Amino acid sequence: MLYLIGTGLHDFKDMSLRAFEILEKCDRIFLENYTSPQNIDLASLEKRLGKKIQSLSREEVESSELIYKKNTALLVIGDPLVATTHQEIVNTAEKKGISVKIIHSSSIVSAICETGLHIYKFGKITSIPFTQKDFKPKSPCNIIKQNISINAHSLILLDIGMNFKEAIGFILDNCDFINEKTKAMVCADLGGKSIIISGDIGELKDKEIKEQPQVLIIPAEMHFTEEDSFNKFR
């Protein structure tokens, strides 16, 4: 059996009792370290379990046979299947005749409800990566525009280590339908310190948040209860 186990949003203490019971029985435990940052204290977790945990890069997960063994666990930040790349792990394991069990945990997809925005009013999720001279993706702007067209909020995930100001700069430079008067919300370390701020994008540019990970939200037309929450975080 290959177990994909969510570690939750803040640290390994967010994992369920069921997850710990499984880890205590596994022969091999790996941690993927590339889809999201988290304060995983590997030494403390190893001490608690009495087992070694090997941290894996994206390349090691995607191109090696390390995880495709019976009685193996792969720890995933947040919920295991919110990062769509992990569905390929499930598919590959099943092709190899290895059964897969998913142990779910808290995810940014539900944690954003701390903003007071209604979860069913969110549209497609998009992400903003660090750009390079020859790499400036158009998909984030296209998805935000699509969401606005159906009056849906946009959840924008940021690359590992990216500050929301960099994301705002990207949006202002590349999305011609957004300006400094556009409303936005920023969330950082949800499930931990849970820092949330809101305001016009022009106002948010002057704010400072160091905590990670961070996400940006572009709300569509808001229900009056959402408006109340939005104003609370100004």
Protein backbone atom coordinates (compact mmCIF):
# COMPACT_ATOMS: atom_id res chain seq x y z
CA MET A 1 0.00 0.00 0.00
CA LEU A 2 1.17 3.52 -0.84
CA TYR A 3 -0.26 6.16 1.48
CA LEU A 4 -0.56 9.79 0.45
CA ILE A 5 -0.92 11.66 3.72
CA GLY A 6 -1.79 15.33 4.09
CA THR A 7 0.18 17.19 6.75
CA GLY A 8 -2.24 20.11 6.95
CA LEU A 9 -1.50 23.80 6.60
CA HIS A 10 0.75 24.80 9.48
CA ASP A 11 2.92 22.00 10.86
CA PHE A 12 2.90 18.23 11.38
CA LYS A 13 0.64 18.58 14.42
CA ASP A 14 -2.19 19.25 11.96
CA MET A 15 -2.07 15.62 10.87
CA SER A 16 -4.88 13.35 12.03
CA LEU A 17 -4.53 10.57 14.59
CA ARG A 18 -5.28 8.16 11.77
CA ALA A 19 -2.31 9.53 9.84
CA PHE A 20 0.02 8.95 12.79
CA GLU A 21 -1.27 5.42 13.27
CA ILE A 22 -0.46 4.64 9.64
CA LEU A 23 2.99 6.26 9.77
CA GLU A 24 3.90 4.17 12.80
CA LYS A 25 3.31 1.05 10.68
CA CYS A 26 5.01 2.19 7.45
CA ASP A 27 8.43 0.88 6.43
CA ARG A 28 9.39 3.99 4.44
CA ILE A 29 8.29 7.62 4.87
CA PHE A 30 8.99 10.42 2.41
CA LEU A 31 8.15 14.13 2.40
CA GLU A 32 7.67 16.04 -0.83
CA ASN A 33 9.11 19.52 -0.40
CA TYR A 34 8.15 21.35 -3.58
CA THR A 35 4.42 22.15 -3.76
CA SER A 36 4.13 24.40 -0.72
CA PRO A 37 6.22 25.74 2.17
CA GLN A 38 5.50 24.58 5.68
CA ASN A 39 7.13 24.61 9.08
CA ILE A 40 7.81 20.87 9.12
CA ASP A 41 10.25 20.09 11.92
CA LEU A 42 11.52 16.82 10.51
CA ALA A 43 13.75 16.09 13.48
CA SER A 44 10.82 16.37 15.91
CA LEU A 45 8.56 14.29 13.70
CA GLU A 46 11.23 11.61 13.27
CA LYS A 47 11.73 11.52 17.04
CA ARG A 48 7.99 11.16 17.61
CA LEU A 49 7.69 8.31 15.11
CA GLY A 50 11.05 6.70 15.84
CA LYS A 51 11.71 6.59 12.08
CA LYS A 52 13.73 8.45 9.45
CA ILE A 53 11.92 10.62 6.91
CA GLN A 54 13.51 11.39 3.56
CA SER A 55 12.74 14.73 1.91
CA LEU A 56 12.23 14.47 -1.87
CA SER A 57 12.47 17.05 -4.63
CA ARG A 58 10.00 17.20 -7.52
CA GLU A 59 12.47 15.38 -9.76
CA GLU A 60 12.96 12.59 -7.23
CA VAL A 61 9.21 12.08 -6.89
CA GLU A 62 8.44 12.26 -10.60
CA SER A 63 11.36 10.31 -12.04
CA SER A 64 12.37 7.74 -9.42
CA GLU A 65 10.94 4.50 -8.08
CA LEU A 66 11.52 5.47 -4.45
CA ILE A 67 7.89 5.86 -3.44
CA TYR A 68 6.48 2.98 -5.48
CA LYS A 69 7.00 0.32 -2.84
CA LYS A 70 4.53 -1.41 -0.59
CA ASN A 71 3.96 -0.03 2.90
CA THR A 72 5.29 3.40 1.96
CA ALA A 73 3.99 6.86 2.92
CA LEU A 74 4.44 10.14 1.08
CA LEU A 75 3.72 13.20 3.20
CA VAL A 76 2.17 16.08 1.26
CA ILE A 77 1.72 19.64 2.47
CA GLY A 78 -1.96 20.51 2.90
CA ASP A 79 -4.32 17.96 1.35
CA PRO A 80 -2.68 15.31 -0.86
CA LEU A 81 -4.77 15.80 -3.99
CA VAL A 82 -5.24 19.57 -4.07
CA ALA A 83 -1.87 19.73 -5.84
CA THR A 84 -3.02 18.09 -9.07
CA THR A 85 0.46 16.75 -9.79
CA HIS A 86 -0.13 14.13 -7.11
CA GLN A 87 -2.95 12.53 -9.07
CA GLU A 88 -0.26 11.28 -11.43
CA ILE A 89 1.38 9.52 -8.47
CA VAL A 90 -1.90 7.70 -7.84
CA ASN A 91 -2.20 6.72 -11.51
CA THR A 92 1.41 5.52 -11.72
CA ALA A 93 1.13 3.45 -8.52
CA GLU A 94 -2.04 1.74 -9.71
CA LYS A 95 -0.41 0.89 -13.05
CA LYS A 96 2.35 -0.80 -11.06
CA GLY A 97 -0.21 -2.83 -9.13
CA ILE A 98 0.24 -0.85 -5.90
CA SER A 99 -2.91 0.12 -4.01
CA VAL A 100 -3.15 3.74 -2.87
CA LYS A 101 -4.86 5.15 0.21
CA ILE A 102 -5.45 8.90 0.61
CA ILE A 103 -5.44 10.42 4.10
CA HIS A 104 -6.93 13.87 3.73
CA SER A 105 -6.10 16.95 5.75
CA SER A 106 -6.76 20.70 5.88
CA SER A 107 -6.30 22.63 2.65
CA ILE A 108 -6.02 26.23 1.47
CA VAL A 109 -9.13 25.56 -0.62
CA SER A 110 -11.29 25.44 2.50
CA ALA A 111 -9.14 27.60 4.81
CA ILE A 112 -9.87 30.69 2.70
CA CYS A 113 -13.32 30.69 4.28
CA GLU A 114 -11.60 32.49 7.18
CA THR A 115 -11.90 35.57 4.98
CA GLY A 116 -15.68 35.45 5.27
CA LEU A 117 -16.06 34.92 1.53
CA HIS A 118 -18.48 32.16 0.57
CA ILE A 119 -16.69 29.05 -0.68
CA TYR A 120 -19.31 28.27 -3.32
CA LYS A 121 -18.72 31.66 -4.95
CA PHE A 122 -15.10 30.88 -5.90
CA GLY A 123 -14.32 30.08 -9.51
CA LYS A 124 -11.23 28.50 -11.07
CA ILE A 125 -8.05 28.53 -8.98
CA THR A 126 -4.94 29.94 -10.60
CA SER A 127 -1.33 30.45 -9.57
CA ILE A 128 1.42 32.99 -10.22
CA PRO A 129 4.97 31.63 -10.60
CA PHE A 130 8.16 33.60 -10.47
CA THR A 131 8.57 35.06 -13.96
CA GLN A 132 11.65 35.34 -16.11
CA LYS A 133 12.47 37.46 -19.13
CA ASP A 134 11.21 34.78 -21.50
CA PHE A 135 8.53 33.35 -19.20
CA LYS A 136 5.48 35.48 -18.38
CA PRO A 137 2.43 33.20 -18.34
CA LYS A 138 -0.91 34.57 -19.51
CA SER A 139 -3.09 31.97 -17.84
CA PRO A 140 -3.45 33.77 -14.45
CA CYS A 141 -4.99 36.84 -16.10
CA ASN A 142 -7.16 34.71 -18.38
CA ILE A 143 -8.56 32.73 -15.45
CA ILE A 144 -9.19 35.82 -13.31
CA LYS A 145 -11.02 37.41 -16.25
CA GLN A 146 -13.11 34.26 -16.75
CA ASN A 147 -14.04 34.25 -13.08
CA ILE A 148 -15.04 37.91 -13.16
CA SER A 149 -17.24 37.23 -16.19
CA ILE A 150 -19.31 34.74 -14.15
CA ASN A 151 -19.17 36.83 -10.95
CA ALA A 152 -16.87 34.36 -9.17
CA HIS A 153 -14.07 35.07 -6.71
CA SER A 154 -10.50 34.22 -7.78
CA LEU A 155 -8.12 32.36 -5.47
CA ILE A 156 -4.55 32.99 -6.63
CA LEU A 157 -1.84 30.72 -5.25
CA LEU A 158 1.68 32.15 -5.13
CA ASP A 159 4.95 30.42 -5.93
CA ILE A 160 6.94 29.14 -2.94
CA GLY A 161 8.49 32.11 -1.14
CA MET A 162 6.65 34.69 -3.25
CA ASN A 163 5.38 37.79 -1.45
CA PHE A 164 1.92 39.09 -2.29
CA LYS A 165 3.44 42.37 -3.49
CA GLU A 166 5.21 40.50 -6.29
CA ALA A 167 1.89 38.92 -7.25
CA ILE A 168 0.16 42.30 -7.25
CA GLY A 169 2.94 43.69 -9.44
CA PHE A 170 2.45 40.83 -11.90
CA ILE A 171 -1.30 41.39 -12.05
CA LEU A 172 -1.06 45.16 -12.53
CA ASP A 173 1.56 44.70 -15.26
CA ASN A 174 -0.24 41.94 -17.16
CA CYS A 175 -4.00 42.11 -16.45
CA ASP A 176 -5.30 45.23 -18.22
CA PHE A 177 -8.75 44.86 -16.62
CA ILE A 178 -7.36 45.28 -13.08
CA ASN A 179 -6.20 48.56 -11.57
CA GLU A 180 -5.24 50.00 -8.20
CA LYS A 181 -8.90 50.46 -7.28
CA THR A 182 -9.66 46.76 -7.68
CA LYS A 183 -10.58 45.11 -4.38
CA ALA A 184 -8.35 42.30 -3.13
CA MET A 185 -7.58 40.21 -0.05
CA VAL A 186 -4.29 38.72 1.10
CA CYS A 187 -4.00 35.68 3.37
CA ALA A 188 -0.83 34.41 5.01
CA ASP A 189 -0.11 31.36 7.17
CA LEU A 190 -3.73 30.24 7.33
CA GLY A 191 -4.10 27.62 10.01
CA GLY A 192 -1.21 29.21 11.94
CA LYS A 193 -1.20 32.96 12.60
CA SER A 194 -3.96 33.35 9.96
CA ILE A 195 -3.12 36.87 8.80
CA ILE A 196 -5.78 38.42 6.54
CA ILE A 197 -5.84 41.93 5.09
CA SER A 198 -8.16 43.52 2.54
CA GLY A 199 -8.53 46.74 0.59
CA ASP A 200 -7.93 48.25 -2.81
CA ILE A 201 -4.86 46.81 -4.54
CA GLY A 202 -3.28 50.26 -4.39
CA GLU A 203 -3.67 50.25 -0.60
CA LEU A 204 -2.36 46.71 -0.17
CA LYS A 205 0.88 47.58 -1.97
CA ASP A 206 1.92 49.58 1.10
CA LYS A 207 1.29 46.73 3.55
CA GLU A 208 3.94 44.35 4.89
CA ILE A 209 3.50 40.63 5.59
CA LYS A 210 6.45 38.33 6.14
CA GLU A 211 4.61 35.13 7.07
CA GLN A 212 4.37 32.36 4.47
CA PRO A 213 2.70 30.87 2.53
CA GLN A 214 0.64 33.67 1.03
CA VAL A 215 -2.34 33.77 -1.33
CA LEU A 216 -4.13 36.59 -3.08
CA ILE A 217 -7.88 36.80 -3.66
CA ILE A 218 -9.67 38.98 -6.20
CA PRO A 219 -13.31 38.99 -5.06
CA ALA A 220 -16.18 39.40 -7.49
CA GLU A 221 -19.42 41.08 -6.47
CA MET A 222 -19.88 40.29 -2.80
CA HIS A 223 -22.90 39.33 -0.74
CA PHE A 224 -23.55 41.85 2.06
CA THR A 225 -22.21 39.39 4.64
CA GLU A 226 -19.04 39.05 2.57
CA GLU A 227 -18.79 42.85 2.38
CA ASP A 228 -18.95 43.00 6.17
CA SER A 229 -16.08 40.53 6.45
CA PHE A 230 -14.07 42.30 3.76
CA ASN A 231 -14.35 45.61 5.61
CA LYS A 232 -13.43 43.94 8.91
CA PHE A 233 -10.01 43.07 7.53
CA ARG A 234 -9.22 46.55 6.12
